[in-house]
């Protein structure tokens, strides 16, 4: 299932797309969880991307916080 939305962290607004499942996956999920794909963008720039593996690591602390919010919500 795909979910799209936005989350605000401090003064940054992150737009996200997340593909998550009902059951976790040790092979494809983030930390063995339910998220198999996740993209975070800020001001049109991709600041984190996971597509069955990490492609772009969080670029700064605000991105790490946004990622933590996504993991808490969907993983």
C-alpha atoms as a PDB file:
ATOM      1  CA  UNK A   1       0.000   0.000   0.000  1.00  0.00           C
ATOM      2  CA  UNK A   2       1.310   3.460  -0.940  1.00  0.00           C
ATOM      3  CA  UNK A   3       0.847   6.473   1.305  1.00  0.00           C
ATOM      4  CA  UNK A   4       1.784  10.037   0.406  1.00  0.00           C
ATOM      5  CA  UNK A   5       1.862  13.064   2.658  1.00  0.00           C
ATOM      6  CA  UNK A   6       3.888  15.764   4.343  1.00  0.00           C
ATOM      7  CA  UNK A   7       5.470  16.160   7.755  1.00  0.00           C
ATOM      8  CA  UNK A   8       6.936  19.290   9.345  1.00  0.00           C
ATOM      9  CA  UNK A   9      10.161  19.092  11.325  1.00  0.00           C
ATOM     10  CA  UNK A  10      11.290  22.385  12.853  1.00  0.00           C
ATOM     11  CA  UNK A  11      11.297  24.795   9.865  1.00  0.00           C
ATOM     12  CA  UNK A  12      11.405  22.076   7.195  1.00  0.00           C
ATOM     13  CA  UNK A  13       8.477  20.479   5.396  1.00  0.00           C
ATOM     14  CA  UNK A  14       9.182  17.000   4.038  1.00  0.00           C
ATOM     15  CA  UNK A  15       7.000  15.427   1.374  1.00  0.00           C
ATOM     16  CA  UNK A  16       6.997  11.650   1.584  1.00  0.00           C
ATOM     17  CA  UNK A  17       5.974   8.569  -0.363  1.00  0.00           C
ATOM     18  CA  UNK A  18       6.015   5.297   1.549  1.00  0.00           C
ATOM     19  CA  UNK A  19       5.178   1.747   0.455  1.00  0.00           C
ATOM     20  CA  UNK A  20       4.292  -0.345   3.477  1.00  0.00           C
ATOM     21  CA  UNK A  21       2.799  -3.756   4.066  1.00  0.00           C
ATOM     22  CA  UNK A  22       0.736  -5.467   6.752  1.00  0.00           C
ATOM     23  CA  UNK A  23       3.571  -7.870   7.594  1.00  0.00           C
ATOM     24  CA  UNK A  24       7.246  -7.047   8.185  1.00  0.00           C
ATOM     25  CA  UNK A  25       9.979  -8.295   5.845  1.00  0.00           C
ATOM     26  CA  UNK A  26      13.468  -9.238   7.002  1.00  0.00           C
ATOM     27  CA  UNK A  27      14.644  -9.138   3.370  1.00  0.00           C
ATOM     28  CA  UNK A  28      13.185  -5.841   2.127  1.00  0.00           C
ATOM     29  CA  UNK A  29      11.818  -3.832   5.059  1.00  0.00           C
ATOM     30  CA  UNK A  30      13.668  -1.022   6.786  1.00  0.00           C
ATOM     31  CA  UNK A  31      15.196  -2.646   9.880  1.00  0.00           C
ATOM     32  CA  UNK A  32      13.185  -5.770   9.051  1.00  0.00           C
ATOM     33  CA  UNK A  33       9.939  -3.812   9.242  1.00  0.00           C
ATOM     34  CA  UNK A  34       6.915  -3.118   7.057  1.00  0.00           C
ATOM     35  CA  UNK A  35       8.339  -0.268   4.914  1.00  0.00           C
ATOM     36  CA  UNK A  36       9.849  -1.500   1.634  1.00  0.00           C
ATOM     37  CA  UNK A  37      10.136   1.891  -0.097  1.00  0.00           C
ATOM     38  CA  UNK A  38      10.378   5.415   1.305  1.00  0.00           C
ATOM     39  CA  UNK A  39      11.307   8.721  -0.279  1.00  0.00           C
ATOM     40  CA  UNK A  40      11.644  12.006   1.598  1.00  0.00           C
ATOM     41  CA  UNK A  41      11.908  15.270  -0.322  1.00  0.00           C
ATOM     42  CA  UNK A  42      12.473  18.796   0.944  1.00  0.00           C
ATOM     43  CA  UNK A  43      12.131  21.747  -1.424  1.00  0.00           C
ATOM     44  CA  UNK A  44      12.056  19.316  -4.361  1.00  0.00           C
ATOM     45  CA  UNK A  45      15.354  17.659  -3.395  1.00  0.00           C
ATOM     46  CA  UNK A  46      15.487  14.003  -2.384  1.00  0.00           C
ATOM     47  CA  UNK A  47      17.041  13.959   1.101  1.00  0.00           C
ATOM     48  CA  UNK A  48      16.430  10.261   1.893  1.00  0.00           C
ATOM     49  CA  UNK A  49      15.558   7.250  -0.251  1.00  0.00           C
ATOM     50  CA  UNK A  50      15.046   3.589   0.566  1.00  0.00           C
ATOM     51  CA  UNK A  51      14.052   1.123  -2.145  1.00  0.00           C
ATOM     52  CA  UNK A  52      14.490  -2.344  -0.606  1.00  0.00           C
ATOM     53  CA  UNK A  53      17.821  -0.976   0.592  1.00  0.00           C
ATOM     54  CA  UNK A  54      19.212   2.454   1.441  1.00  0.00           C
ATOM     55  CA  UNK A  55      19.991   4.505  -1.671  1.00  0.00           C
ATOM     56  CA  UNK A  56      20.385   7.948  -0.066  1.00  0.00           C
ATOM     57  CA  UNK A  57      21.169   8.261   3.642  1.00  0.00           C
ATOM     58  CA  UNK A  58      19.598  11.112   5.672  1.00  0.00           C
ATOM     59  CA  UNK A  59      21.385  14.328   4.734  1.00  0.00           C
ATOM     60  CA  UNK A  60      20.990  16.109   8.091  1.00  0.00           C
ATOM     61  CA  UNK A  61      19.436  15.994  11.553  1.00  0.00           C
ATOM     62  CA  UNK A  62      16.001  17.240  10.408  1.00  0.00           C
ATOM     63  CA  UNK A  63      15.883  14.445   7.823  1.00  0.00           C
ATOM     64  CA  UNK A  64      16.804  11.907  10.514  1.00  0.00           C
ATOM     65  CA  UNK A  65      13.885  13.176  12.622  1.00  0.00           C
ATOM     66  CA  UNK A  66      11.503  12.941   9.646  1.00  0.00           C
ATOM     67  CA  UNK A  67      12.735   9.385   9.033  1.00  0.00           C
ATOM     68  CA  UNK A  68      12.138   8.500  12.695  1.00  0.00           C
ATOM     69  CA  UNK A  69       8.569   9.801  12.379  1.00  0.00           C
ATOM     70  CA  UNK A  70       7.992   7.632   9.308  1.00  0.00           C
ATOM     71  CA  UNK A  71       9.416   4.565  11.050  1.00  0.00           C
ATOM     72  CA  UNK A  72       7.193   5.155  14.078  1.00  0.00           C
ATOM     73  CA  UNK A  73       4.115   5.635  11.884  1.00  0.00           C
ATOM     74  CA  UNK A  74       4.549   2.931   9.225  1.00  0.00           C
ATOM     75  CA  UNK A  75       7.245   0.426  10.191  1.00  0.00           C
END
